[in-house]
Amino acid sequence: MSATLCSNHAVYVGSFDPLTLGHVDIIRRAAAIFDRLTVGIGINPEKRPLFSPEERLLLTSQILNPFANVDVSCFQGLTVDFIRQCGARILVRGVRTLSDIEAEFTMTLANRALDPEIDTIFLMASEKYTHISSSLIKQIAQLGYHGAAGKLCEFVPPQIIEPLVSKYKPADPATSG
């Protein structure tokens, strides 16, 4: 653990599959606290995300482009290794519910054991975003594809809606087969 880590540089990690308004709220608030914020899109080869790493990187980068002190990249492996590679010392985590706090507490203890130089800061989700989860958004897109776009604007940035809905559009019988 030789490299000096920057306390004014934080990292916010997640799968961001897809990026939600709740994520953007945490990013906006963290970007106002820290001089630099890196958003790390975690790639877990054992999971099957809806969006490819490249799609998530492109969409997230487009949405976060207005934040001058925010950069976005994909990573594989341990979060603490990614944070150290970024030169940051702070991990930002968003929490919505009491069950989130319990899970995040356990993860924080593990991260502390893996790298005691990295601290975790928790930001409570804004009340209007506490019910939003990526799985809820996927369910709305999948089950309500005809009217999903109108409903999804309350949960995800506008740039996410069309790519998300298109993942669940029924195949066109004229082109399949």
C-alpha atoms as a PDB file:
ATOM      1  CA  MET A   1       0.000   0.000   0.000  1.00  0.00           C
ATOM      2  CA  SER A   2       2.699   2.448  -1.032  1.00  0.00           C
ATOM      3  CA  ALA A   3       0.988   5.019  -3.293  1.00  0.00           C
ATOM      4  CA  THR A   4      -0.400   8.145  -1.640  1.00  0.00           C
ATOM      5  CA  LEU A   5      -4.154   8.305  -1.980  1.00  0.00           C
ATOM      6  CA  CYS A   6      -6.044  11.575  -2.470  1.00  0.00           C
ATOM      7  CA  SER A   7      -8.728  12.466   0.093  1.00  0.00           C
ATOM      8  CA  ASN A   8     -10.336  14.902  -2.350  1.00  0.00           C
ATOM      9  CA  HIS A   9     -10.899  12.151  -4.912  1.00  0.00           C
ATOM     10  CA  ALA A  10     -13.786   9.755  -4.343  1.00  0.00           C
ATOM     11  CA  VAL A  11     -15.059   6.745  -6.248  1.00  0.00           C
ATOM     12  CA  TYR A  12     -18.676   5.662  -6.604  1.00  0.00           C
ATOM     13  CA  VAL A  13     -19.070   2.117  -7.907  1.00  0.00           C
ATOM     14  CA  GLY A  14     -21.997   0.034  -9.061  1.00  0.00           C
ATOM     15  CA  SER A  15     -23.261  -2.029 -11.930  1.00  0.00           C
ATOM     16  CA  PHE A  16     -25.395   0.898 -13.164  1.00  0.00           C
ATOM     17  CA  ASP A  17     -27.509  -1.512 -15.207  1.00  0.00           C
ATOM     18  CA  PRO A  18     -29.126   0.900 -15.877  1.00  0.00           C
ATOM     19  CA  LEU A  19     -28.103   4.214 -14.317  1.00  0.00           C
ATOM     20  CA  THR A  20     -31.082   5.598 -12.358  1.00  0.00           C
ATOM     21  CA  LEU A  21     -32.130   9.041 -11.207  1.00  0.00           C
ATOM     22  CA  GLY A  22     -31.169   7.880  -7.708  1.00  0.00           C
ATOM     23  CA  HIS A  23     -27.628   7.145  -8.912  1.00  0.00           C
ATOM     24  CA  VAL A  24     -27.442  10.533 -10.630  1.00  0.00           C
ATOM     25  CA  ASP A  25     -28.596  12.217  -7.415  1.00  0.00           C
ATOM     26  CA  ILE A  26     -25.818  10.526  -5.393  1.00  0.00           C
ATOM     27  CA  ILE A  27     -23.280  11.431  -8.114  1.00  0.00           C
ATOM     28  CA  ARG A  28     -24.425  15.070  -8.194  1.00  0.00           C
ATOM     29  CA  ARG A  29     -24.135  15.363  -4.419  1.00  0.00           C
ATOM     30  CA  ALA A  30     -20.767  13.564  -4.218  1.00  0.00           C
ATOM     31  CA  ALA A  31     -19.397  15.720  -7.048  1.00  0.00           C
ATOM     32  CA  ALA A  32     -20.288  18.784  -4.990  1.00  0.00           C
ATOM     33  CA  ILE A  33     -18.355  17.426  -1.982  1.00  0.00           C
ATOM     34  CA  PHE A  34     -15.189  16.115  -3.646  1.00  0.00           C
ATOM     35  CA  ASP A  35     -12.805  17.784  -6.084  1.00  0.00           C
ATOM     36  CA  ARG A  36     -12.920  14.702  -8.282  1.00  0.00           C
ATOM     37  CA  LEU A  37     -15.343  11.786  -8.521  1.00  0.00           C
ATOM     38  CA  THR A  38     -14.763   8.627 -10.516  1.00  0.00           C
ATOM     39  CA  VAL A  39     -17.819   6.545 -11.343  1.00  0.00           C
ATOM     40  CA  GLY A  40     -16.721   2.923 -11.645  1.00  0.00           C
ATOM     41  CA  ILE A  41     -18.925   0.555 -13.595  1.00  0.00           C
ATOM     42  CA  GLY A  42     -18.278  -2.871 -12.153  1.00  0.00           C
ATOM     43  CA  ILE A  43     -18.093  -5.808 -14.532  1.00  0.00           C
ATOM     44  CA  ASN A  44     -18.907  -9.108 -12.898  1.00  0.00           C
ATOM     45  CA  PRO A  45     -18.347 -11.990 -15.350  1.00  0.00           C
ATOM     46  CA  GLU A  46     -20.724 -14.186 -13.310  1.00  0.00           C
ATOM     47  CA  LYS A  47     -23.690 -11.847 -13.850  1.00  0.00           C
ATOM     48  CA  ARG A  48     -25.674 -11.293 -17.023  1.00  0.00           C
ATOM     49  CA  PRO A  49     -26.421  -7.562 -17.174  1.00  0.00           C
ATOM     50  CA  LEU A  50     -29.056  -6.133 -19.471  1.00  0.00           C
ATOM     51  CA  PHE A  51     -26.577  -3.653 -20.946  1.00  0.00           C
ATOM     52  CA  SER A  52     -23.057  -4.550 -22.054  1.00  0.00           C
ATOM     53  CA  PRO A  53     -20.142  -2.814 -20.313  1.00  0.00           C
ATOM     54  CA  GLU A  54     -19.641  -0.700 -23.443  1.00  0.00           C
ATOM     55  CA  GLU A  55     -23.307   0.367 -23.489  1.00  0.00           C
ATOM     56  CA  ARG A  56     -23.250   1.231 -19.781  1.00  0.00           C
ATOM     57  CA  LEU A  57     -20.029   3.210 -20.202  1.00  0.00           C
ATOM     58  CA  LEU A  58     -21.391   5.161 -23.180  1.00  0.00           C
ATOM     59  CA  LEU A  59     -24.773   5.947 -21.594  1.00  0.00           C
ATOM     60  CA  THR A  60     -23.302   6.839 -18.202  1.00  0.00           C
ATOM     61  CA  SER A  61     -20.612   9.040 -19.773  1.00  0.00           C
ATOM     62  CA  GLN A  62     -23.219  10.896 -21.854  1.00  0.00           C
ATOM     63  CA  ILE A  63     -25.462  11.499 -18.853  1.00  0.00           C
ATOM     64  CA  LEU A  64     -22.629  12.620 -16.562  1.00  0.00           C
ATOM     65  CA  ASN A  65     -20.878  14.774 -19.181  1.00  0.00           C
ATOM     66  CA  PRO A  66     -22.200  18.035 -17.611  1.00  0.00           C
ATOM     67  CA  PHE A  67     -20.262  17.275 -14.398  1.00  0.00           C
ATOM     68  CA  ALA A  68     -16.774  18.672 -15.061  1.00  0.00           C
ATOM     69  CA  ASN A  69     -15.165  16.850 -12.127  1.00  0.00           C
ATOM     70  CA  VAL A  70     -16.685  13.414 -12.842  1.00  0.00           C
ATOM     71  CA  ASP A  71     -15.099  10.708 -14.979  1.00  0.00           C
ATOM     72  CA  VAL A  72     -16.446   7.250 -15.770  1.00  0.00           C
ATOM     73  CA  SER A  73     -14.677   3.957 -16.369  1.00  0.00           C
ATOM     74  CA  CYS A  74     -15.328   0.234 -16.231  1.00  0.00           C
ATOM     75  CA  PHE A  75     -13.435  -2.135 -13.958  1.00  0.00           C
ATOM     76  CA  GLN A  76     -13.186  -5.789 -13.018  1.00  0.00           C
ATOM     77  CA  GLY A  77     -11.979  -7.168  -9.736  1.00  0.00           C
ATOM     78  CA  LEU A  78     -12.057  -5.822  -6.207  1.00  0.00           C
ATOM     79  CA  THR A  79     -13.506  -2.384  -5.615  1.00  0.00           C
ATOM     80  CA  VAL A  80     -10.650  -1.430  -3.263  1.00  0.00           C
ATOM     81  CA  ASP A  81      -8.124  -2.288  -5.981  1.00  0.00           C
ATOM     82  CA  PHE A  82      -9.994  -0.064  -8.445  1.00  0.00           C
ATOM     83  CA  ILE A  83     -10.153   2.799  -5.930  1.00  0.00           C
ATOM     84  CA  ARG A  84      -6.427   2.523  -5.281  1.00  0.00           C
ATOM     85  CA  GLN A  85      -5.733   2.374  -9.036  1.00  0.00           C
ATOM     86  CA  CYS A  86      -7.678   5.649  -9.370  1.00  0.00           C
ATOM     87  CA  GLY A  87      -5.543   7.212  -6.638  1.00  0.00           C
ATOM     88  CA  ALA A  88      -8.628   7.917  -4.516  1.00  0.00           C
ATOM     89  CA  ARG A  89      -9.018   7.355  -0.791  1.00  0.00           C
ATOM     90  CA  ILE A  90     -12.803   7.577  -0.473  1.00  0.00           C
ATOM     91  CA  LEU A  91     -15.527   5.163  -1.533  1.00  0.00           C
ATOM     92  CA  VAL A  92     -18.978   6.749  -1.829  1.00  0.00           C
ATOM     93  CA  ARG A  93     -21.981   4.528  -1.278  1.00  0.00           C
ATOM     94  CA  GLY A  94     -25.640   5.440  -1.574  1.00  0.00           C
ATOM     95  CA  VAL A  95     -28.125   3.879   0.829  1.00  0.00           C
ATOM     96  CA  ARG A  96     -31.894   3.790   0.423  1.00  0.00           C
ATOM     97  CA  THR A  97     -33.242   1.535   3.137  1.00  0.00           C
ATOM     98  CA  LEU A  98     -32.363  -0.115   6.424  1.00  0.00           C
ATOM     99  CA  SER A  99     -31.537  -3.347   4.580  1.00  0.00           C
ATOM    100  CA  ASP A 100     -29.129  -1.388   2.345  1.00  0.00           C
ATOM    101  CA  ILE A 101     -27.380  -0.097   5.467  1.00  0.00           C
ATOM    102  CA  GLU A 102     -26.910  -3.621   6.823  1.00  0.00           C
ATOM    103  CA  ALA A 103     -25.471  -4.919   3.540  1.00  0.00           C
ATOM    104  CA  GLU A 104     -23.262  -1.842   3.081  1.00  0.00           C
ATOM    105  CA  PHE A 105     -21.965  -2.124   6.653  1.00  0.00           C
ATOM    106  CA  THR A 106     -20.845  -5.693   5.987  1.00  0.00           C
ATOM    107  CA  MET A 107     -19.197  -4.682   2.697  1.00  0.00           C
ATOM    108  CA  THR A 108     -17.467  -1.740   4.368  1.00  0.00           C
ATOM    109  CA  LEU A 109     -15.971  -4.016   7.023  1.00  0.00           C
ATOM    110  CA  ALA A 110     -14.669  -6.332   4.299  1.00  0.00           C
ATOM    111  CA  ASN A 111     -13.225  -3.406   2.331  1.00  0.00           C
ATOM    112  CA  ARG A 112     -11.531  -2.092   5.500  1.00  0.00           C
ATOM    113  CA  ALA A 113      -9.928  -5.481   6.016  1.00  0.00           C
ATOM    114  CA  LEU A 114      -8.754  -5.542   2.389  1.00  0.00           C
ATOM    115  CA  ASP A 115      -7.410  -1.976   2.409  1.00  0.00           C
ATOM    116  CA  PRO A 116      -7.506   0.007   5.683  1.00  0.00           C
ATOM    117  CA  GLU A 117      -6.427   3.226   3.925  1.00  0.00           C
ATOM    118  CA  ILE A 118      -9.715   3.496   2.029  1.00  0.00           C
ATOM    119  CA  ASP A 119     -12.658   5.034   3.869  1.00  0.00           C
ATOM    120  CA  THR A 120     -16.324   4.719   2.959  1.00  0.00           C
ATOM    121  CA  ILE A 121     -18.740   7.652   3.018  1.00  0.00           C
ATOM    122  CA  PHE A 122     -22.479   6.978   2.935  1.00  0.00           C
ATOM    123  CA  LEU A 123     -24.950   9.330   1.307  1.00  0.00           C
ATOM    124  CA  MET A 124     -28.605   8.730   2.074  1.00  0.00           C
ATOM    125  CA  ALA A 125     -30.778   8.606  -1.004  1.00  0.00           C
ATOM    126  CA  SER A 126     -33.090  11.551  -1.451  1.00  0.00           C
ATOM    127  CA  GLU A 127     -36.570  10.593  -0.309  1.00  0.00           C
ATOM    128  CA  LYS A 128     -38.036  10.723  -3.811  1.00  0.00           C
ATOM    129  CA  TYR A 129     -35.538   8.076  -5.014  1.00  0.00           C
ATOM    130  CA  THR A 130     -35.597   5.549  -2.148  1.00  0.00           C
ATOM    131  CA  HIS A 131     -37.983   3.219  -3.970  1.00  0.00           C
ATOM    132  CA  ILE A 132     -35.971   3.121  -7.211  1.00  0.00           C
ATOM    133  CA  SER A 133     -33.916   0.054  -8.044  1.00  0.00           C
ATOM    134  CA  SER A 134     -32.502  -1.262 -11.289  1.00  0.00           C
ATOM    135  CA  SER A 135     -34.621  -4.417 -10.954  1.00  0.00           C
ATOM    136  CA  LEU A 136     -37.806  -2.318 -10.590  1.00  0.00           C
ATOM    137  CA  ILE A 137     -36.881  -0.318 -13.673  1.00  0.00           C
ATOM    138  CA  LYS A 138     -36.219  -3.465 -15.708  1.00  0.00           C
ATOM    139  CA  GLN A 139     -39.569  -4.879 -14.616  1.00  0.00           C
ATOM    140  CA  ILE A 140     -41.407  -1.722 -15.701  1.00  0.00           C
ATOM    141  CA  ALA A 141     -39.633  -1.771 -19.069  1.00  0.00           C
ATOM    142  CA  GLN A 142     -40.310  -5.477 -19.584  1.00  0.00           C
ATOM    143  CA  LEU A 143     -43.927  -5.681 -18.461  1.00  0.00           C
ATOM    144  CA  GLY A 144     -45.116  -2.293 -19.624  1.00  0.00           C
ATOM    145  CA  TYR A 145     -43.245  -1.921 -22.877  1.00  0.00           C
ATOM    146  CA  HIS A 146     -46.156  -0.237 -24.679  1.00  0.00           C
ATOM    147  CA  GLY A 147     -46.419   2.604 -22.162  1.00  0.00           C
ATOM    148  CA  ALA A 148     -43.099   2.136 -20.411  1.00  0.00           C
ATOM    149  CA  ALA A 149     -41.405   5.252 -21.780  1.00  0.00           C
ATOM    150  CA  GLY A 150     -43.903   7.535 -20.086  1.00  0.00           C
ATOM    151  CA  LYS A 151     -43.532   5.700 -16.786  1.00  0.00           C
ATOM    152  CA  LEU A 152     -39.744   5.360 -16.874  1.00  0.00           C
ATOM    153  CA  CYS A 153     -39.110   9.125 -16.998  1.00  0.00           C
ATOM    154  CA  GLU A 154     -39.736   9.171 -13.230  1.00  0.00           C
ATOM    155  CA  PHE A 155     -36.969   6.615 -12.632  1.00  0.00           C
ATOM    156  CA  VAL A 156     -34.175   7.033 -15.185  1.00  0.00           C
ATOM    157  CA  PRO A 157     -32.517   9.866 -17.126  1.00  0.00           C
ATOM    158  CA  PRO A 158     -34.149  10.494 -20.537  1.00  0.00           C
ATOM    159  CA  GLN A 159     -31.108   9.096 -22.393  1.00  0.00           C
ATOM    160  CA  ILE A 160     -31.734   5.669 -20.820  1.00  0.00           C
ATOM    161  CA  ILE A 161     -35.387   5.275 -21.788  1.00  0.00           C
ATOM    162  CA  GLU A 162     -35.137   4.305 -25.473  1.00  0.00           C
ATOM    163  CA  PRO A 163     -32.164   1.936 -25.069  1.00  0.00           C
ATOM    164  CA  LEU A 164     -33.912   0.319 -22.091  1.00  0.00           C
ATOM    165  CA  VAL A 165     -37.302  -0.083 -23.767  1.00  0.00           C
ATOM    166  CA  SER A 166     -35.664  -1.427 -26.930  1.00  0.00           C
ATOM    167  CA  LYS A 167     -34.120  -4.284 -24.911  1.00  0.00           C
ATOM    168  CA  TYR A 168     -37.641  -5.568 -24.230  1.00  0.00           C
ATOM    169  CA  LYS A 169     -39.437  -4.841 -27.496  1.00  0.00           C
ATOM    170  CA  PRO A 170     -41.046  -7.955 -28.907  1.00  0.00           C
ATOM    171  CA  ALA A 171     -39.359  -9.280 -32.015  1.00  0.00           C
ATOM    172  CA  ASP A 172     -40.911  -8.102 -35.260  1.00  0.00           C
ATOM    173  CA  PRO A 173     -42.427 -11.190 -36.918  1.00  0.00           C
ATOM    174  CA  ALA A 174     -41.528  -9.797 -40.346  1.00  0.00           C
ATOM    175  CA  THR A 175     -37.804  -9.768 -39.462  1.00  0.00           C
ATOM    176  CA  SER A 176     -37.546 -12.922 -37.374  1.00  0.00           C
ATOM    177  CA  GLY A 177     -37.339 -15.903 -39.410  1.00  0.00           C
END
